[in-house]
Amino acid sequence: MMKNNNQQSTVLVDEPEPDSPTDQLTIDTSVVDTRWQPLVADLHAHGQFVWQALALPACELSLVLDNDAAVQQLNQSYRDKNKPTNVLSFPALDFTQPATSDDFPAPPILLGDIIMAYETVAREADEGALSLLDHARHLLTHGLLHLIGYDHQDDAQASHMEQLEISLLAQCDIANPYLTSTSGDPS
C-alpha cells in the first residue's frame, strides 16, 4: 500500500467467508481515508448487486478508499496526469472487449484494483447536487466495468458503457449520472 503524508489510518474491512456463493464478488477493502467508512457497507452491497446483474463468475476485487493526494500520485505515475481524479481502475486481467462469463479464467480470479479519491468524489457530488453515496456507487460501477474490459476511448465505446451504467444505476433508483452537472467524468 502506498504511503503519503496525507494518509490517515488504514482500516481493513472483514469479508465474507470463503464458502460464499459462486456468483459473489469478494471486495477486499482498504479504508485509508476514514471519511469513507460510513459508505463501505453500502458500496459492498452495490458491488455485489452490479456483479450479480452482470452474471459474472466469482472474483476478488481490491477497493482502496483514499484521498486526492494518493490518487494524484497514482494518476501521475500510471497515466501521466498530475492531478487527482475520482476513480482509477487497474485490471489484473487483460480483456480486449467487454467480458462475458465465458471469458474468465478458472478460479481463483483476481479482478484488479479500484482506487477512489474522497475529496474529488465529495466535491463532484456536491457540484452535481448528488448524494455522496450515489456518486460513489456510480464510480464503483464505472470502475468495475473498466476492470472487465469496458472503456470510453471513442464515442461508440463511451455510449455503450454509459448506457450500461445508467441501466444498472436505475435498478437501484439512482438517477442518470450523465444528466448532472458534475465537473469530472469518471476515468
N, C-alpha and C. Protein backbone atom coordinates (compact mmCIF):
# COMPACT_ATOMS: atom_id res chain seq x y z
N MET A 1 0.84 -1.17 0.00
CA MET A 1 0.00 0.00 0.00
C MET A 1 0.88 1.23 0.00
N MET A 2 0.50 2.24 -0.78
CA MET A 2 1.27 3.46 -0.90
C MET A 2 1.12 4.32 0.36
N LYS A 3 2.20 4.92 0.79
CA LYS A 3 2.18 5.82 1.94
C LYS A 3 2.33 7.25 1.43
N ASN A 4 1.63 8.17 2.07
CA ASN A 4 1.81 9.57 1.74
C ASN A 4 1.56 10.39 3.00
N ASN A 5 1.94 11.65 2.95
CA ASN A 5 1.83 12.49 4.13
C ASN A 5 0.39 12.75 4.54
N ASN A 6 -0.55 12.67 3.63
CA ASN A 6 -1.95 12.94 3.92
C ASN A 6 -2.71 11.70 4.33
N GLN A 7 -2.07 10.58 4.34
CA GLN A 7 -2.75 9.32 4.61
C GLN A 7 -3.21 9.23 6.05
N GLN A 8 -4.43 8.76 6.21
CA GLN A 8 -4.95 8.51 7.53
C GLN A 8 -4.80 7.02 7.80
N SER A 9 -5.20 6.57 8.96
CA SER A 9 -5.03 5.17 9.30
C SER A 9 -5.81 4.27 8.36
N THR A 10 -5.27 3.10 8.10
CA THR A 10 -5.91 2.13 7.23
C THR A 10 -6.80 1.22 8.06
N VAL A 11 -8.03 1.04 7.59
CA VAL A 11 -8.97 0.15 8.24
C VAL A 11 -9.32 -0.94 7.24
N LEU A 12 -9.01 -2.18 7.55
CA LEU A 12 -9.37 -3.27 6.66
C LEU A 12 -10.75 -3.76 7.05
N VAL A 13 -11.58 -4.00 6.04
CA VAL A 13 -12.96 -4.41 6.28
C VAL A 13 -13.05 -5.92 6.14
N ASP A 14 -13.71 -6.55 7.10
CA ASP A 14 -13.89 -8.00 7.03
C ASP A 14 -14.73 -8.38 5.82
N GLU A 15 -14.40 -9.51 5.26
CA GLU A 15 -15.09 -10.02 4.08
C GLU A 15 -15.85 -11.29 4.41
N PRO A 16 -16.76 -11.70 3.51
CA PRO A 16 -17.49 -12.94 3.73
C PRO A 16 -16.55 -14.14 3.79
N GLU A 17 -17.01 -15.18 4.41
CA GLU A 17 -16.24 -16.42 4.49
C GLU A 17 -16.00 -16.97 3.09
N PRO A 18 -14.93 -17.79 2.90
CA PRO A 18 -14.61 -18.31 1.59
C PRO A 18 -15.69 -19.20 0.98
N ASP A 19 -16.62 -19.72 1.77
CA ASP A 19 -17.66 -20.58 1.22
C ASP A 19 -18.87 -19.79 0.74
N SER A 20 -18.68 -18.53 0.37
CA SER A 20 -19.77 -17.70 -0.12
C SER A 20 -20.21 -18.17 -1.50
N PRO A 21 -21.39 -17.72 -1.97
CA PRO A 21 -21.92 -18.18 -3.25
C PRO A 21 -20.96 -17.93 -4.40
N THR A 22 -21.09 -18.74 -5.45
CA THR A 22 -20.16 -18.65 -6.58
C THR A 22 -20.36 -17.40 -7.41
N ASP A 23 -21.50 -16.73 -7.34
CA ASP A 23 -21.70 -15.51 -8.11
C ASP A 23 -21.35 -14.27 -7.28
N GLN A 24 -20.50 -14.46 -6.33
CA GLN A 24 -20.12 -13.43 -5.37
C GLN A 24 -18.91 -12.64 -5.87
N LEU A 25 -18.92 -11.37 -5.57
CA LEU A 25 -17.74 -10.54 -5.78
C LEU A 25 -17.17 -10.28 -4.39
N THR A 26 -15.99 -10.81 -4.12
CA THR A 26 -15.33 -10.56 -2.85
C THR A 26 -14.59 -9.24 -2.97
N ILE A 27 -14.91 -8.32 -2.09
CA ILE A 27 -14.30 -6.99 -2.14
C ILE A 27 -13.41 -6.82 -0.92
N ASP A 28 -12.11 -6.85 -1.15
CA ASP A 28 -11.14 -6.60 -0.08
C ASP A 28 -10.91 -5.09 -0.05
N THR A 29 -11.34 -4.47 1.02
CA THR A 29 -11.35 -3.02 1.09
C THR A 29 -10.32 -2.48 2.08
N SER A 30 -9.57 -1.49 1.62
CA SER A 30 -8.68 -0.73 2.49
C SER A 30 -9.25 0.67 2.60
N VAL A 31 -9.69 1.03 3.79
CA VAL A 31 -10.20 2.37 4.04
C VAL A 31 -9.02 3.19 4.56
N VAL A 32 -8.35 3.87 3.65
CA VAL A 32 -7.17 4.66 4.00
C VAL A 32 -7.61 6.01 4.56
N ASP A 33 -8.61 6.62 3.93
CA ASP A 33 -9.16 7.88 4.42
C ASP A 33 -10.47 7.52 5.14
N THR A 34 -10.48 7.72 6.44
CA THR A 34 -11.61 7.25 7.26
C THR A 34 -12.92 7.97 6.97
N ARG A 35 -12.90 9.04 6.20
CA ARG A 35 -14.15 9.69 5.82
C ARG A 35 -15.02 8.77 4.97
N TRP A 36 -14.40 7.75 4.36
CA TRP A 36 -15.14 6.77 3.55
C TRP A 36 -15.91 5.77 4.42
N GLN A 37 -15.51 5.59 5.65
CA GLN A 37 -16.03 4.49 6.48
C GLN A 37 -17.56 4.37 6.48
N PRO A 38 -18.33 5.45 6.58
CA PRO A 38 -19.79 5.30 6.61
C PRO A 38 -20.39 4.71 5.32
N LEU A 39 -19.63 4.73 4.23
CA LEU A 39 -20.15 4.26 2.94
C LEU A 39 -19.76 2.83 2.61
N VAL A 40 -18.87 2.23 3.37
CA VAL A 40 -18.28 0.94 3.00
C VAL A 40 -19.33 -0.16 2.82
N ALA A 41 -20.20 -0.34 3.76
CA ALA A 41 -21.20 -1.42 3.66
C ALA A 41 -22.09 -1.23 2.44
N ASP A 42 -22.51 0.01 2.18
CA ASP A 42 -23.34 0.28 1.01
C ASP A 42 -22.58 0.06 -0.29
N LEU A 43 -21.31 0.42 -0.33
CA LEU A 43 -20.51 0.18 -1.53
C LEU A 43 -20.33 -1.31 -1.78
N HIS A 44 -20.12 -2.08 -0.72
CA HIS A 44 -20.01 -3.54 -0.87
C HIS A 44 -21.30 -4.11 -1.43
N ALA A 45 -22.42 -3.70 -0.88
CA ALA A 45 -23.72 -4.20 -1.35
C ALA A 45 -23.93 -3.82 -2.81
N HIS A 46 -23.55 -2.60 -3.17
CA HIS A 46 -23.72 -2.17 -4.56
C HIS A 46 -22.81 -2.97 -5.50
N GLY A 47 -21.58 -3.19 -5.08
CA GLY A 47 -20.68 -4.01 -5.90
C GLY A 47 -21.26 -5.41 -6.13
N GLN A 48 -21.83 -6.00 -5.08
CA GLN A 48 -22.46 -7.31 -5.21
C GLN A 48 -23.62 -7.26 -6.20
N PHE A 49 -24.44 -6.22 -6.08
CA PHE A 49 -25.57 -6.08 -6.98
C PHE A 49 -25.11 -6.01 -8.44
N VAL A 50 -24.14 -5.14 -8.72
CA VAL A 50 -23.65 -4.98 -10.09
C VAL A 50 -23.11 -6.30 -10.61
N TRP A 51 -22.33 -6.98 -9.80
CA TRP A 51 -21.72 -8.24 -10.22
C TRP A 51 -22.78 -9.28 -10.55
N GLN A 52 -23.79 -9.39 -9.70
CA GLN A 52 -24.86 -10.36 -9.94
C GLN A 52 -25.69 -9.95 -11.16
N ALA A 53 -25.93 -8.67 -11.36
CA ALA A 53 -26.68 -8.20 -12.52
C ALA A 53 -25.94 -8.51 -13.81
N LEU A 54 -24.62 -8.48 -13.76
CA LEU A 54 -23.81 -8.79 -14.95
C LEU A 54 -23.64 -10.30 -15.14
N ALA A 55 -24.04 -11.08 -14.14
CA ALA A 55 -23.98 -12.55 -14.19
C ALA A 55 -22.57 -13.05 -14.50
N LEU A 56 -21.61 -12.53 -13.74
CA LEU A 56 -20.22 -12.92 -13.93
C LEU A 56 -19.78 -13.86 -12.82
N PRO A 57 -18.73 -14.65 -13.05
CA PRO A 57 -18.30 -15.64 -12.05
C PRO A 57 -17.66 -14.99 -10.83
N ALA A 58 -17.51 -15.77 -9.80
CA ALA A 58 -16.91 -15.29 -8.55
C ALA A 58 -15.52 -14.73 -8.81
N CYS A 59 -15.26 -13.56 -8.27
CA CYS A 59 -13.98 -12.87 -8.41
C CYS A 59 -13.64 -12.16 -7.12
N GLU A 60 -12.39 -11.72 -7.06
CA GLU A 60 -11.93 -10.92 -5.93
C GLU A 60 -11.46 -9.57 -6.45
N LEU A 61 -11.82 -8.52 -5.74
CA LEU A 61 -11.51 -7.15 -6.12
C LEU A 61 -10.86 -6.44 -4.94
N SER A 62 -9.88 -5.61 -5.22
CA SER A 62 -9.30 -4.74 -4.20
C SER A 62 -9.89 -3.34 -4.39
N LEU A 63 -10.52 -2.82 -3.33
CA LEU A 63 -11.08 -1.47 -3.34
C LEU A 63 -10.31 -0.64 -2.31
N VAL A 64 -9.68 0.43 -2.79
CA VAL A 64 -8.92 1.31 -1.91
C VAL A 64 -9.66 2.64 -1.86
N LEU A 65 -10.09 3.01 -0.67
CA LEU A 65 -10.82 4.26 -0.46
C LEU A 65 -9.85 5.24 0.18
N ASP A 66 -9.35 6.15 -0.64
CA ASP A 66 -8.24 7.01 -0.23
C ASP A 66 -8.60 8.47 -0.44
N ASN A 67 -7.59 9.29 -0.67
CA ASN A 67 -7.79 10.73 -0.80
C ASN A 67 -7.13 11.26 -2.07
N ASP A 68 -7.32 12.54 -2.32
CA ASP A 68 -6.81 13.16 -3.54
C ASP A 68 -5.30 13.04 -3.69
N ALA A 69 -4.56 13.24 -2.61
CA ALA A 69 -3.10 13.21 -2.71
C ALA A 69 -2.60 11.85 -3.20
N ALA A 70 -3.14 10.79 -2.65
CA ALA A 70 -2.71 9.45 -3.06
C ALA A 70 -3.12 9.15 -4.49
N VAL A 71 -4.34 9.52 -4.86
CA VAL A 71 -4.82 9.26 -6.22
C VAL A 71 -4.06 10.12 -7.22
N GLN A 72 -3.72 11.33 -6.84
CA GLN A 72 -2.92 12.18 -7.74
C GLN A 72 -1.57 11.52 -8.03
N GLN A 73 -0.94 10.95 -7.02
CA GLN A 73 0.35 10.26 -7.24
C GLN A 73 0.18 9.09 -8.20
N LEU A 74 -0.86 8.31 -8.02
CA LEU A 74 -1.11 7.18 -8.93
C LEU A 74 -1.43 7.67 -10.34
N ASN A 75 -2.24 8.71 -10.44
CA ASN A 75 -2.61 9.26 -11.74
C ASN A 75 -1.38 9.78 -12.48
N GLN A 76 -0.46 10.39 -11.75
CA GLN A 76 0.79 10.87 -12.35
C GLN A 76 1.66 9.68 -12.79
N SER A 77 1.79 8.71 -11.92
CA SER A 77 2.67 7.56 -12.21
C SER A 77 2.16 6.70 -13.36
N TYR A 78 0.87 6.47 -13.41
CA TYR A 78 0.33 5.49 -14.37
C TYR A 78 -0.35 6.10 -15.57
N ARG A 79 -0.77 7.37 -15.48
CA ARG A 79 -1.50 7.97 -16.60
C ARG A 79 -0.85 9.28 -17.05
N ASP A 80 0.27 9.67 -16.42
CA ASP A 80 0.98 10.90 -16.74
C ASP A 80 0.08 12.14 -16.64
N LYS A 81 -0.83 12.10 -15.66
CA LYS A 81 -1.73 13.23 -15.40
C LYS A 81 -1.51 13.66 -13.96
N ASN A 82 -0.92 14.83 -13.77
CA ASN A 82 -0.56 15.29 -12.44
C ASN A 82 -1.71 16.04 -11.77
N LYS A 83 -2.79 15.30 -11.54
CA LYS A 83 -3.95 15.84 -10.85
C LYS A 83 -4.74 14.68 -10.27
N PRO A 84 -5.52 14.95 -9.23
CA PRO A 84 -6.36 13.88 -8.71
C PRO A 84 -7.51 13.60 -9.68
N THR A 85 -8.08 12.45 -9.58
CA THR A 85 -9.28 12.09 -10.32
C THR A 85 -10.18 11.33 -9.36
N ASN A 86 -11.41 11.09 -9.76
CA ASN A 86 -12.36 10.48 -8.84
C ASN A 86 -12.12 8.99 -8.63
N VAL A 87 -11.82 8.27 -9.69
CA VAL A 87 -11.64 6.82 -9.59
C VAL A 87 -10.59 6.36 -10.59
N LEU A 88 -9.78 5.41 -10.17
CA LEU A 88 -8.82 4.75 -11.05
C LEU A 88 -9.07 3.26 -10.97
N SER A 89 -8.93 2.61 -12.10
CA SER A 89 -9.08 1.15 -12.16
C SER A 89 -7.82 0.54 -12.75
N PHE A 90 -7.36 -0.51 -12.12
CA PHE A 90 -6.17 -1.23 -12.58
C PHE A 90 -6.54 -2.70 -12.74
N PRO A 91 -6.86 -3.12 -13.97
CA PRO A 91 -7.28 -4.51 -14.17
C PRO A 91 -6.14 -5.50 -14.00
N ALA A 92 -6.46 -6.64 -13.43
CA ALA A 92 -5.50 -7.74 -13.32
C ALA A 92 -5.61 -8.65 -14.53
N LEU A 93 -6.73 -8.60 -15.22
CA LEU A 93 -6.96 -9.41 -16.41
C LEU A 93 -6.97 -8.49 -17.62
N ASP A 94 -6.60 -9.02 -18.77
CA ASP A 94 -6.50 -8.20 -19.98
C ASP A 94 -7.63 -8.56 -20.93
N PHE A 95 -8.78 -7.88 -20.75
CA PHE A 95 -9.90 -8.08 -21.66
C PHE A 95 -9.79 -7.04 -22.77
N THR A 96 -9.83 -7.49 -24.01
CA THR A 96 -9.75 -6.56 -25.14
C THR A 96 -11.11 -6.02 -25.53
N GLN A 97 -12.15 -6.61 -24.98
CA GLN A 97 -13.52 -6.14 -25.17
C GLN A 97 -14.30 -6.49 -23.92
N PRO A 98 -15.51 -5.95 -23.76
CA PRO A 98 -16.27 -6.28 -22.55
C PRO A 98 -16.44 -7.79 -22.38
N ALA A 99 -16.14 -8.25 -21.18
CA ALA A 99 -16.11 -9.68 -20.89
C ALA A 99 -17.49 -10.24 -20.58
N THR A 100 -17.67 -11.50 -20.93
CA THR A 100 -18.82 -12.28 -20.51
C THR A 100 -18.29 -13.35 -19.57
N SER A 101 -19.17 -14.10 -18.95
CA SER A 101 -18.72 -15.12 -18.00
C SER A 101 -17.82 -16.15 -18.67
N ASP A 102 -17.98 -16.38 -19.97
CA ASP A 102 -17.14 -17.35 -20.69
C ASP A 102 -15.70 -16.88 -20.86
N ASP A 103 -15.45 -15.59 -20.69
CA ASP A 103 -14.12 -15.02 -20.91
C ASP A 103 -13.20 -15.10 -19.69
N PHE A 104 -13.74 -15.53 -18.55
CA PHE A 104 -12.96 -15.54 -17.32
C PHE A 104 -12.16 -16.83 -17.17
N PRO A 105 -10.97 -16.74 -16.60
CA PRO A 105 -10.18 -17.95 -16.34
C PRO A 105 -10.80 -18.74 -15.19
N ALA A 106 -10.25 -19.90 -14.93
CA ALA A 106 -10.71 -20.72 -13.81
C ALA A 106 -10.37 -20.01 -12.50
N PRO A 107 -11.19 -20.20 -11.47
CA PRO A 107 -10.91 -19.59 -10.17
C PRO A 107 -9.61 -20.11 -9.58
N PRO A 108 -9.00 -19.38 -8.67
CA PRO A 108 -9.43 -18.08 -8.16
C PRO A 108 -9.13 -16.97 -9.15
N ILE A 109 -10.01 -16.01 -9.21
CA ILE A 109 -9.90 -14.92 -10.18
C ILE A 109 -9.68 -13.61 -9.43
N LEU A 110 -8.54 -13.01 -9.66
CA LEU A 110 -8.25 -11.69 -9.11
C LEU A 110 -8.58 -10.68 -10.20
N LEU A 111 -9.60 -9.86 -9.96
CA LEU A 111 -10.12 -8.95 -10.97
C LEU A 111 -9.25 -7.70 -11.14
N GLY A 112 -8.78 -7.13 -10.06
CA GLY A 112 -7.96 -5.93 -10.15
C GLY A 112 -8.23 -5.00 -8.99
N ASP A 113 -7.86 -3.72 -9.18
CA ASP A 113 -7.94 -2.71 -8.13
C ASP A 113 -8.77 -1.52 -8.58
N ILE A 114 -9.55 -0.99 -7.66
CA ILE A 114 -10.26 0.28 -7.86
C ILE A 114 -9.84 1.18 -6.70
N ILE A 115 -9.42 2.40 -7.05
CA ILE A 115 -9.00 3.36 -6.04
C ILE A 115 -9.85 4.62 -6.22
N MET A 116 -10.41 5.11 -5.12
CA MET A 116 -11.27 6.30 -5.17
C MET A 116 -10.71 7.40 -4.27
N ALA A 117 -10.85 8.65 -4.73
CA ALA A 117 -10.33 9.82 -4.02
C ALA A 117 -11.47 10.57 -3.34
N TYR A 118 -11.45 10.61 -2.02
CA TYR A 118 -12.56 11.18 -1.27
C TYR A 118 -12.89 12.63 -1.65
N GLU A 119 -11.90 13.51 -1.62
CA GLU A 119 -12.19 14.93 -1.84
C GLU A 119 -12.80 15.18 -3.22
N THR A 120 -12.27 14.54 -4.25
CA THR A 120 -12.80 14.73 -5.60
C THR A 120 -14.21 14.18 -5.71
N VAL A 121 -14.45 12.99 -5.16
CA VAL A 121 -15.78 12.40 -5.22
C VAL A 121 -16.78 13.27 -4.46
N ALA A 122 -16.41 13.75 -3.28
CA ALA A 122 -17.30 14.59 -2.48
C ALA A 122 -17.58 15.92 -3.19
N ARG A 123 -16.54 16.52 -3.77
CA ARG A 123 -16.72 17.80 -4.48
C ARG A 123 -17.65 17.61 -5.68
N GLU A 124 -17.44 16.56 -6.46
CA GLU A 124 -18.29 16.31 -7.62
C GLU A 124 -19.73 16.04 -7.21
N ALA A 125 -19.91 15.30 -6.13
CA ALA A 125 -21.27 15.03 -5.65
C ALA A 125 -21.95 16.34 -5.27
N ASP A 126 -21.23 17.20 -4.57
CA ASP A 126 -21.78 18.49 -4.16
C ASP A 126 -22.11 19.35 -5.37
N GLU A 127 -21.19 19.42 -6.32
CA GLU A 127 -21.41 20.24 -7.53
C GLU A 127 -22.58 19.72 -8.36
N GLY A 128 -22.79 18.42 -8.34
CA GLY A 128 -23.87 17.83 -9.13
C GLY A 128 -25.16 17.67 -8.35
N ALA A 129 -25.20 18.17 -7.11
CA ALA A 129 -26.36 18.02 -6.24
C ALA A 129 -26.75 16.55 -6.09
N LEU A 130 -25.74 15.70 -5.92
CA LEU A 130 -25.92 14.26 -5.75
C LEU A 130 -25.58 13.88 -4.33
N SER A 131 -26.13 12.76 -3.89
CA SER A 131 -25.66 12.26 -2.60
C SER A 131 -24.27 11.68 -2.81
N LEU A 132 -23.45 11.79 -1.79
CA LEU A 132 -22.10 11.22 -1.86
C LEU A 132 -22.18 9.73 -2.15
N LEU A 133 -23.11 9.03 -1.50
CA LEU A 133 -23.24 7.59 -1.70
C LEU A 133 -23.63 7.27 -3.14
N ASP A 134 -24.59 7.97 -3.71
CA ASP A 134 -24.99 7.67 -5.10
C ASP A 134 -23.85 7.93 -6.07
N HIS A 135 -23.11 9.00 -5.86
CA HIS A 135 -21.98 9.29 -6.75
C HIS A 135 -20.90 8.21 -6.60
N ALA A 136 -20.63 7.81 -5.36
CA ALA A 136 -19.64 6.74 -5.13
C ALA A 136 -20.11 5.43 -5.76
N ARG A 137 -21.40 5.13 -5.68
CA ARG A 137 -21.93 3.92 -6.33
C ARG A 137 -21.72 3.98 -7.83
N HIS A 138 -21.97 5.15 -8.41
CA HIS A 138 -21.73 5.30 -9.85
C HIS A 138 -20.26 5.04 -10.19
N LEU A 139 -19.37 5.62 -9.41
CA LEU A 139 -17.94 5.46 -9.70
C LEU A 139 -17.48 4.03 -9.48
N LEU A 140 -18.04 3.33 -8.50
CA LEU A 140 -17.72 1.92 -8.31
C LEU A 140 -18.21 1.12 -9.52
N THR A 141 -19.40 1.40 -9.99
CA THR A 141 -19.93 0.73 -11.19
C THR A 141 -19.01 0.99 -12.37
N HIS A 142 -18.63 2.24 -12.56
CA HIS A 142 -17.74 2.63 -13.66
C HIS A 142 -16.41 1.89 -13.56
N GLY A 143 -15.84 1.86 -12.36
CA GLY A 143 -14.57 1.16 -12.17
C GLY A 143 -14.68 -0.33 -12.43
N LEU A 144 -15.76 -0.96 -11.97
CA LEU A 144 -15.97 -2.38 -12.23
C LEU A 144 -16.05 -2.67 -13.72
N LEU A 145 -16.77 -1.81 -14.45
CA LEU A 145 -16.88 -2.02 -15.90
C LEU A 145 -15.53 -1.89 -16.58
N HIS A 146 -14.71 -0.95 -16.12
CA HIS A 146 -13.35 -0.85 -16.68
C HIS A 146 -12.57 -2.14 -16.44
N LEU A 147 -12.71 -2.73 -15.27
CA LEU A 147 -11.95 -3.95 -14.96
C LEU A 147 -12.34 -5.13 -15.83
N ILE A 148 -13.55 -5.10 -16.39
CA ILE A 148 -13.96 -6.23 -17.24
C ILE A 148 -13.96 -5.86 -18.72
N GLY A 149 -13.22 -4.80 -19.06
CA GLY A 149 -12.97 -4.53 -20.47
C GLY A 149 -13.76 -3.41 -21.12
N TYR A 150 -14.64 -2.75 -20.38
CA TYR A 150 -15.35 -1.61 -20.96
C TYR A 150 -14.43 -0.40 -20.94
N ASP A 151 -14.62 0.48 -21.93
CA ASP A 151 -13.79 1.68 -22.00
C ASP A 151 -14.59 2.79 -22.66
N HIS A 152 -14.01 3.97 -22.72
CA HIS A 152 -14.68 5.13 -23.33
C HIS A 152 -13.68 5.93 -24.15
N GLN A 153 -12.87 5.21 -24.93
CA GLN A 153 -11.85 5.87 -25.75
C GLN A 153 -12.43 6.52 -26.99
N ASP A 154 -13.59 6.04 -27.46
CA ASP A 154 -14.26 6.68 -28.59
C ASP A 154 -15.75 6.81 -28.26
N ASP A 155 -16.48 7.52 -29.12
CA ASP A 155 -17.89 7.80 -28.83
C ASP A 155 -18.73 6.54 -28.72
N ALA A 156 -18.48 5.56 -29.57
CA ALA A 156 -19.28 4.32 -29.53
C ALA A 156 -19.04 3.56 -28.23
N GLN A 157 -17.77 3.43 -27.82
CA GLN A 157 -17.45 2.77 -26.56
C GLN A 157 -18.07 3.52 -25.38
N ALA A 158 -17.92 4.84 -25.39
CA ALA A 158 -18.44 5.65 -24.30
C ALA A 158 -19.95 5.51 -24.18
N SER A 159 -20.64 5.54 -25.30
CA SER A 159 -22.09 5.42 -25.29
C SER A 159 -22.53 4.06 -24.74
N HIS A 160 -21.86 3.00 -25.19
CA HIS A 160 -22.20 1.66 -24.72
C HIS A 160 -21.98 1.53 -23.22
N MET A 161 -20.84 2.02 -22.74
CA MET A 161 -20.51 1.93 -21.32
C MET A 161 -21.48 2.78 -20.49
N GLU A 162 -21.75 4.00 -20.94
CA GLU A 162 -22.65 4.87 -20.21
C GLU A 162 -24.05 4.29 -20.13
N GLN A 163 -24.54 3.71 -21.22
CA GLN A 163 -25.89 3.13 -21.20
C GLN A 163 -25.98 1.97 -20.21
N LEU A 164 -24.94 1.17 -20.13
CA LEU A 164 -24.94 0.08 -19.16
C LEU A 164 -24.90 0.63 -17.74
N GLU A 165 -24.09 1.65 -17.49
CA GLU A 165 -24.04 2.28 -16.16
C GLU A 165 -25.42 2.84 -15.80
N ILE A 166 -26.03 3.56 -16.72
CA ILE A 166 -27.34 4.16 -16.48
C ILE A 166 -28.36 3.08 -16.13
N SER A 167 -28.34 1.99 -16.87
CA SER A 167 -29.28 0.89 -16.63
C SER A 167 -29.06 0.25 -15.26
N LEU A 168 -27.82 -0.05 -14.92
CA LEU A 168 -27.52 -0.66 -13.63
C LEU A 168 -27.91 0.27 -12.48
N LEU A 169 -27.59 1.55 -12.61
CA LEU A 169 -27.89 2.50 -11.54
C LEU A 169 -29.40 2.73 -11.41
N ALA A 170 -30.12 2.74 -12.53
CA ALA A 170 -31.57 2.92 -12.49
C ALA A 170 -32.24 1.80 -11.68
N GLN A 171 -31.69 0.60 -11.76
CA GLN A 171 -32.23 -0.52 -10.99
C GLN A 171 -32.07 -0.31 -9.49
N CYS A 172 -31.22 0.63 -9.11
CA CYS A 172 -31.00 0.98 -7.69
C CYS A 172 -31.63 2.33 -7.36
N ASP A 173 -32.49 2.82 -8.24
CA ASP A 173 -33.14 4.12 -8.08
C ASP A 173 -32.14 5.28 -7.99
N ILE A 174 -31.06 5.15 -8.75
CA ILE A 174 -30.07 6.23 -8.85
C ILE A 174 -30.25 6.88 -10.23
N ALA A 175 -30.45 8.19 -10.22
CA ALA A 175 -30.70 8.93 -11.46
C ALA A 175 -29.52 8.83 -12.42
N ASN A 176 -29.79 9.06 -13.67
CA ASN A 176 -28.77 9.06 -14.71
C ASN A 176 -27.65 10.04 -14.32
N PRO A 177 -26.46 9.52 -14.05
CA PRO A 177 -25.37 10.40 -13.60
C PRO A 177 -24.85 11.32 -14.70
N TYR A 178 -25.17 11.01 -15.95
CA TYR A 178 -24.68 11.82 -17.05
C TYR A 178 -25.58 13.02 -17.34
N LEU A 179 -26.67 13.16 -16.58
CA LEU A 179 -27.54 14.33 -16.71
C LEU A 179 -27.25 15.36 -15.65
N THR A 180 -26.31 15.06 -14.73
CA THR A 180 -25.97 16.00 -13.67
C THR A 180 -24.85 16.91 -14.13
N SER A 181 -24.53 17.88 -13.31
CA SER A 181 -23.52 18.87 -13.69
C SER A 181 -22.19 18.64 -12.98
N THR A 182 -21.83 17.36 -12.72
CA THR A 182 -20.53 17.14 -12.08
C THR A 182 -19.44 17.57 -13.04
N SER A 183 -18.36 18.06 -12.47
CA SER A 183 -17.28 18.62 -13.31
C SER A 183 -16.37 17.56 -13.89
N GLY A 184 -16.34 16.38 -13.32
CA GLY A 184 -15.40 15.38 -13.81
C GLY A 184 -16.09 14.13 -14.27
N ASP A 185 -15.72 13.66 -15.44
CA ASP A 185 -16.20 12.36 -15.89
C ASP A 185 -15.41 11.28 -15.19
N PRO A 186 -16.04 10.13 -14.91
CA PRO A 186 -15.27 9.04 -14.35
C PRO A 186 -14.19 8.62 -15.34
N SER A 187 -13.07 8.20 -14.81
CA SER A 187 -11.99 7.76 -15.71
C SER A 187 -11.39 6.48 -15.24
